[in-house]
């Protein structure tokens, strides 16, 4: 179940936004500022489909850690909540150091008001095609194009050879085995 589920359910019922972060430390740092937040157990990449039911009609803001795992995790969470949550936004925090998170961002002296302003401006979540999928598709397209070129070359060679054989037979210069 989502971290701090009773508080999250109440926040959703009260029409408050809920921030989905990576890790209990981040969720707790936000709750200390009266900002509803949750996470899933076991960290990035561990969002389970059954967690999504708790976010029906919720206004959700995904706040990734500043690393590849954090961004991928929030893409996975966004995909899982799509069709369940009322709205899903993504807030990539400015000035976050590599591997940093919202707790680090706040500890660096940023204010709850600054966070609230960024949350208001957060763009809607959009699904992305992972880079590995894009690379695989590009490699597949390259292989297909090469195979098609090889096929064209082979057909051209066969056509030339066929024309030569036909010409040789017509002009009587062919050594054609007779049955």
C-alpha atoms as a PDB file:
ATOM      1  CA  UNK A   1       0.000   0.000   0.000  1.00  0.00           C
ATOM      2  CA  UNK A   2       1.144   3.579  -0.557  1.00  0.00           C
ATOM      3  CA  UNK A   3       3.148   5.133   2.263  1.00  0.00           C
ATOM      4  CA  UNK A   4       0.975   7.090   4.755  1.00  0.00           C
ATOM      5  CA  UNK A   5      -2.159   5.751   3.081  1.00  0.00           C
ATOM      6  CA  UNK A   6      -4.735   7.073   5.612  1.00  0.00           C
ATOM      7  CA  UNK A   7      -3.414  10.630   5.258  1.00  0.00           C
ATOM      8  CA  UNK A   8      -3.209  10.295   1.473  1.00  0.00           C
ATOM      9  CA  UNK A   9      -6.807   9.031   1.229  1.00  0.00           C
ATOM     10  CA  UNK A  10      -7.992  11.971   3.352  1.00  0.00           C
ATOM     11  CA  UNK A  11      -5.992  14.459   1.272  1.00  0.00           C
ATOM     12  CA  UNK A  12      -7.513  13.095  -1.941  1.00  0.00           C
ATOM     13  CA  UNK A  13     -11.001  13.217  -0.422  1.00  0.00           C
ATOM     14  CA  UNK A  14     -10.344  16.846   0.568  1.00  0.00           C
ATOM     15  CA  UNK A  15      -9.337  17.673  -3.015  1.00  0.00           C
ATOM     16  CA  UNK A  16      -5.670  18.260  -2.220  1.00  0.00           C
ATOM     17  CA  UNK A  17      -2.859  17.426  -4.607  1.00  0.00           C
ATOM     18  CA  UNK A  18      -0.705  14.480  -3.641  1.00  0.00           C
ATOM     19  CA  UNK A  19       2.972  14.424  -4.509  1.00  0.00           C
ATOM     20  CA  UNK A  20       4.431  11.033  -5.361  1.00  0.00           C
ATOM     21  CA  UNK A  21       8.103  10.973  -4.444  1.00  0.00           C
ATOM     22  CA  UNK A  22      10.829   8.373  -4.166  1.00  0.00           C
ATOM     23  CA  UNK A  23      11.340   7.316  -0.571  1.00  0.00           C
ATOM     24  CA  UNK A  24       9.811   7.797   2.846  1.00  0.00           C
ATOM     25  CA  UNK A  25      12.359  10.492   3.760  1.00  0.00           C
ATOM     26  CA  UNK A  26      11.025  12.692   0.955  1.00  0.00           C
ATOM     27  CA  UNK A  27       7.394  12.012   1.800  1.00  0.00           C
ATOM     28  CA  UNK A  28       7.996  12.808   5.464  1.00  0.00           C
ATOM     29  CA  UNK A  29       9.857  16.030   4.605  1.00  0.00           C
ATOM     30  CA  UNK A  30       6.812  17.181   2.616  1.00  0.00           C
ATOM     31  CA  UNK A  31       4.291  16.156   5.285  1.00  0.00           C
ATOM     32  CA  UNK A  32       6.282  18.266   7.800  1.00  0.00           C
ATOM     33  CA  UNK A  33       5.335  21.201   5.563  1.00  0.00           C
ATOM     34  CA  UNK A  34       1.677  20.059   5.379  1.00  0.00           C
ATOM     35  CA  UNK A  35       2.138  18.927   1.771  1.00  0.00           C
ATOM     36  CA  UNK A  36       0.463  15.557   1.119  1.00  0.00           C
ATOM     37  CA  UNK A  37       2.990  13.073  -0.244  1.00  0.00           C
ATOM     38  CA  UNK A  38       3.478   9.369  -0.634  1.00  0.00           C
ATOM     39  CA  UNK A  39       5.809   6.776  -2.084  1.00  0.00           C
ATOM     40  CA  UNK A  40       5.835   3.075  -2.714  1.00  0.00           C
ATOM     41  CA  UNK A  41       7.754   0.459  -0.764  1.00  0.00           C
ATOM     42  CA  UNK A  42      11.142  -0.795  -1.954  1.00  0.00           C
ATOM     43  CA  UNK A  43      12.127   2.283  -3.996  1.00  0.00           C
ATOM     44  CA  UNK A  44      12.352   3.117  -7.673  1.00  0.00           C
ATOM     45  CA  UNK A  45      10.947   0.620 -10.120  1.00  0.00           C
ATOM     46  CA  UNK A  46       8.762  -1.097  -7.530  1.00  0.00           C
ATOM     47  CA  UNK A  47       5.369   0.535  -8.122  1.00  0.00           C
ATOM     48  CA  UNK A  48       2.808  -2.267  -8.139  1.00  0.00           C
ATOM     49  CA  UNK A  49      -0.422  -2.031 -10.167  1.00  0.00           C
ATOM     50  CA  UNK A  50      -2.618  -2.483  -7.087  1.00  0.00           C
ATOM     51  CA  UNK A  51      -1.312   0.810  -5.653  1.00  0.00           C
ATOM     52  CA  UNK A  52      -3.020   2.814  -8.382  1.00  0.00           C
ATOM     53  CA  UNK A  53      -6.557   2.145  -7.086  1.00  0.00           C
ATOM     54  CA  UNK A  54      -5.960   4.503  -4.175  1.00  0.00           C
ATOM     55  CA  UNK A  55      -5.502   7.435  -6.571  1.00  0.00           C
ATOM     56  CA  UNK A  56      -8.889   7.324  -8.279  1.00  0.00           C
ATOM     57  CA  UNK A  57      -9.862  10.923  -9.102  1.00  0.00           C
ATOM     58  CA  UNK A  58      -6.688  12.253  -7.449  1.00  0.00           C
ATOM     59  CA  UNK A  59      -4.653  15.238  -8.588  1.00  0.00           C
ATOM     60  CA  UNK A  60      -1.135  13.756  -8.571  1.00  0.00           C
ATOM     61  CA  UNK A  61       2.250  15.421  -8.984  1.00  0.00           C
ATOM     62  CA  UNK A  62       5.153  13.099  -9.753  1.00  0.00           C
ATOM     63  CA  UNK A  63       8.458  14.391  -8.336  1.00  0.00           C
ATOM     64  CA  UNK A  64      11.392  12.290  -9.584  1.00  0.00           C
ATOM     65  CA  UNK A  65      14.808  12.022  -8.009  1.00  0.00           C
ATOM     66  CA  UNK A  66      17.459  13.535 -10.269  1.00  0.00           C
ATOM     67  CA  UNK A  67      18.769  10.311 -11.800  1.00  0.00           C
ATOM     68  CA  UNK A  68      17.807   7.924 -14.577  1.00  0.00           C
ATOM     69  CA  UNK A  69      16.181   5.477 -12.155  1.00  0.00           C
ATOM     70  CA  UNK A  70      14.075   8.267 -10.633  1.00  0.00           C
ATOM     71  CA  UNK A  71      12.874   9.573 -13.986  1.00  0.00           C
ATOM     72  CA  UNK A  72      12.081   6.071 -15.255  1.00  0.00           C
ATOM     73  CA  UNK A  73      10.272   5.281 -12.016  1.00  0.00           C
ATOM     74  CA  UNK A  74       8.023   8.319 -12.371  1.00  0.00           C
ATOM     75  CA  UNK A  75       7.304   7.395 -16.000  1.00  0.00           C
ATOM     76  CA  UNK A  76       6.231   3.961 -14.756  1.00  0.00           C
ATOM     77  CA  UNK A  77       4.079   5.505 -12.006  1.00  0.00           C
ATOM     78  CA  UNK A  78       2.527   7.944 -14.483  1.00  0.00           C
ATOM     79  CA  UNK A  79       1.678   5.073 -16.828  1.00  0.00           C
ATOM     80  CA  UNK A  80       0.176   3.090 -13.947  1.00  0.00           C
ATOM     81  CA  UNK A  81      -1.959   6.043 -12.788  1.00  0.00           C
ATOM     82  CA  UNK A  82      -3.063   7.031 -16.284  1.00  0.00           C
ATOM     83  CA  UNK A  83      -6.792   6.431 -16.561  1.00  0.00           C
ATOM     84  CA  UNK A  84      -7.161   6.303 -12.766  1.00  0.00           C
ATOM     85  CA  UNK A  85      -5.981   9.663 -11.454  1.00  0.00           C
ATOM     86  CA  UNK A  86      -7.915  12.785 -12.410  1.00  0.00           C
ATOM     87  CA  UNK A  87      -4.711  14.597 -13.333  1.00  0.00           C
ATOM     88  CA  UNK A  88      -1.039  13.670 -13.406  1.00  0.00           C
ATOM     89  CA  UNK A  89       1.700  16.298 -13.539  1.00  0.00           C
ATOM     90  CA  UNK A  90       5.471  16.009 -13.391  1.00  0.00           C
ATOM     91  CA  UNK A  91       7.653  18.371 -11.409  1.00  0.00           C
ATOM     92  CA  UNK A  92      11.347  18.217 -12.250  1.00  0.00           C
ATOM     93  CA  UNK A  93      12.908  20.382  -9.571  1.00  0.00           C
ATOM     94  CA  UNK A  94      15.303  23.070 -10.849  1.00  0.00           C
ATOM     95  CA  UNK A  95      18.783  23.194  -9.366  1.00  0.00           C
ATOM     96  CA  UNK A  96      18.630  19.663  -8.021  1.00  0.00           C
ATOM     97  CA  UNK A  97      22.092  18.069  -7.833  1.00  0.00           C
ATOM     98  CA  UNK A  98      22.697  14.696  -9.506  1.00  0.00           C
ATOM     99  CA  UNK A  99      20.939  11.954  -7.534  1.00  0.00           C
ATOM    100  CA  UNK A 100      19.240  14.653  -5.455  1.00  0.00           C
ATOM    101  CA  UNK A 101      15.626  14.530  -4.322  1.00  0.00           C
ATOM    102  CA  UNK A 102      12.932  16.847  -3.011  1.00  0.00           C
ATOM    103  CA  UNK A 103      14.222  16.501   0.582  1.00  0.00           C
ATOM    104  CA  UNK A 104      17.660  17.680  -0.601  1.00  0.00           C
ATOM    105  CA  UNK A 105      16.012  20.516  -2.529  1.00  0.00           C
ATOM    106  CA  UNK A 106      14.177  21.689   0.580  1.00  0.00           C
ATOM    107  CA  UNK A 107      17.252  21.228   2.800  1.00  0.00           C
ATOM    108  CA  UNK A 108      19.154  23.574   0.463  1.00  0.00           C
ATOM    109  CA  UNK A 109      16.952  26.413   1.700  1.00  0.00           C
ATOM    110  CA  UNK A 110      14.087  26.348  -0.781  1.00  0.00           C
ATOM    111  CA  UNK A 111      10.751  27.339   0.674  1.00  0.00           C
ATOM    112  CA  UNK A 112       7.381  25.598   0.697  1.00  0.00           C
ATOM    113  CA  UNK A 113       6.041  28.623  -1.196  1.00  0.00           C
ATOM    114  CA  UNK A 114       8.623  28.139  -3.948  1.00  0.00           C
ATOM    115  CA  UNK A 115       7.650  24.481  -4.146  1.00  0.00           C
ATOM    116  CA  UNK A 116       3.961  25.379  -4.302  1.00  0.00           C
ATOM    117  CA  UNK A 117       4.653  27.779  -7.175  1.00  0.00           C
ATOM    118  CA  UNK A 118       6.494  25.088  -9.102  1.00  0.00           C
ATOM    119  CA  UNK A 119       3.722  22.576  -8.436  1.00  0.00           C
ATOM    120  CA  UNK A 120       1.190  25.047  -9.887  1.00  0.00           C
ATOM    121  CA  UNK A 121       3.273  25.310 -13.069  1.00  0.00           C
ATOM    122  CA  UNK A 122       4.072  21.589 -13.388  1.00  0.00           C
ATOM    123  CA  UNK A 123       3.229  20.272 -16.860  1.00  0.00           C
ATOM    124  CA  UNK A 124       0.927  17.343 -17.422  1.00  0.00           C
ATOM    125  CA  UNK A 125       2.606  13.952 -17.498  1.00  0.00           C
ATOM    126  CA  UNK A 126       3.176  12.554 -20.967  1.00  0.00           C
ATOM    127  CA  UNK A 127       4.212   8.991 -21.710  1.00  0.00           C
ATOM    128  CA  UNK A 128       7.618   8.685 -23.291  1.00  0.00           C
ATOM    129  CA  UNK A 129       9.215   6.003 -25.377  1.00  0.00           C
ATOM    130  CA  UNK A 130      12.297   4.781 -23.529  1.00  0.00           C
ATOM    131  CA  UNK A 131      15.565   5.497 -25.330  1.00  0.00           C
ATOM    132  CA  UNK A 132      16.337   1.778 -25.528  1.00  0.00           C
ATOM    133  CA  UNK A 133      13.071   1.204 -27.403  1.00  0.00           C
ATOM    134  CA  UNK A 134      13.868   4.079 -29.764  1.00  0.00           C
ATOM    135  CA  UNK A 135      17.357   2.690 -30.379  1.00  0.00           C
ATOM    136  CA  UNK A 136      15.955  -0.801 -30.982  1.00  0.00           C
ATOM    137  CA  UNK A 137      13.388   0.581 -33.428  1.00  0.00           C
ATOM    138  CA  UNK A 138      16.080   2.540 -35.261  1.00  0.00           C
ATOM    139  CA  UNK A 139      18.329  -0.537 -35.450  1.00  0.00           C
ATOM    140  CA  UNK A 140      15.408  -2.613 -36.715  1.00  0.00           C
ATOM    141  CA  UNK A 141      14.623  -0.002 -39.382  1.00  0.00           C
ATOM    142  CA  UNK A 142      18.305   0.042 -40.432  1.00  0.00           C
ATOM    143  CA  UNK A 143      18.343  -3.754 -40.690  1.00  0.00           C
ATOM    144  CA  UNK A 144      15.144  -3.728 -42.721  1.00  0.00           C
ATOM    145  CA  UNK A 145      16.503  -1.078 -45.086  1.00  0.00           C
ATOM    146  CA  UNK A 146      19.737  -3.061 -45.523  1.00  0.00           C
ATOM    147  CA  UNK A 147      17.796  -6.270 -46.190  1.00  0.00           C
ATOM    148  CA  UNK A 148      15.623  -4.469 -48.761  1.00  0.00           C
ATOM    149  CA  UNK A 149      18.748  -3.061 -50.461  1.00  0.00           C
ATOM    150  CA  UNK A 150      20.329  -6.535 -50.501  1.00  0.00           C
ATOM    151  CA  UNK A 151      17.112  -7.940 -52.041  1.00  0.00           C
ATOM    152  CA  UNK A 152      17.105  -5.212 -54.720  1.00  0.00           C
ATOM    153  CA  UNK A 153      20.748  -5.899 -55.541  1.00  0.00           C
ATOM    154  CA  UNK A 154      20.099  -9.654 -55.803  1.00  0.00           C
ATOM    155  CA  UNK A 155      17.059  -9.112 -58.038  1.00  0.00           C
ATOM    156  CA  UNK A 156      19.082  -6.774 -60.269  1.00  0.00           C
ATOM    157  CA  UNK A 157      21.842  -9.383 -60.589  1.00  0.00           C
ATOM    158  CA  UNK A 158      19.324 -12.116 -61.368  1.00  0.00           C
ATOM    159  CA  UNK A 159      17.669  -9.926 -63.990  1.00  0.00           C
ATOM    160  CA  UNK A 160      21.018  -9.227 -65.679  1.00  0.00           C
ATOM    161  CA  UNK A 161      21.944 -12.924 -65.623  1.00  0.00           C
ATOM    162  CA  UNK A 162      18.513 -13.893 -66.986  1.00  0.00           C
ATOM    163  CA  UNK A 163      18.826 -11.382 -69.835  1.00  0.00           C
ATOM    164  CA  UNK A 164      22.279 -12.741 -70.705  1.00  0.00           C
ATOM    165  CA  UNK A 165      20.968 -16.317 -70.776  1.00  0.00           C
ATOM    166  CA  UNK A 166      17.963 -15.362 -72.907  1.00  0.00           C
ATOM    167  CA  UNK A 167      20.204 -13.428 -75.310  1.00  0.00           C
ATOM    168  CA  UNK A 168      22.611 -16.354 -75.566  1.00  0.00           C
ATOM    169  CA  UNK A 169      19.778 -18.790 -76.287  1.00  0.00           C
ATOM    170  CA  UNK A 170      18.264 -16.507 -78.935  1.00  0.00           C
ATOM    171  CA  UNK A 171      21.557 -15.938 -80.701  1.00  0.00           C
ATOM    172  CA  UNK A 172      22.549 -19.604 -80.518  1.00  0.00           C
ATOM    173  CA  UNK A 173      25.644 -18.904 -78.422  1.00  0.00           C
ATOM    174  CA  UNK A 174      24.374 -20.812 -75.405  1.00  0.00           C
ATOM    175  CA  UNK A 175      25.626 -24.103 -74.202  1.00  0.00           C
ATOM    176  CA  UNK A 176      22.210 -25.335 -73.192  1.00  0.00           C
ATOM    177  CA  UNK A 177      22.026 -28.923 -72.121  1.00  0.00           C
ATOM    178  CA  UNK A 178      19.396 -30.752 -74.125  1.00  0.00           C
ATOM    179  CA  UNK A 179      17.142 -33.265 -72.396  1.00  0.00           C
END
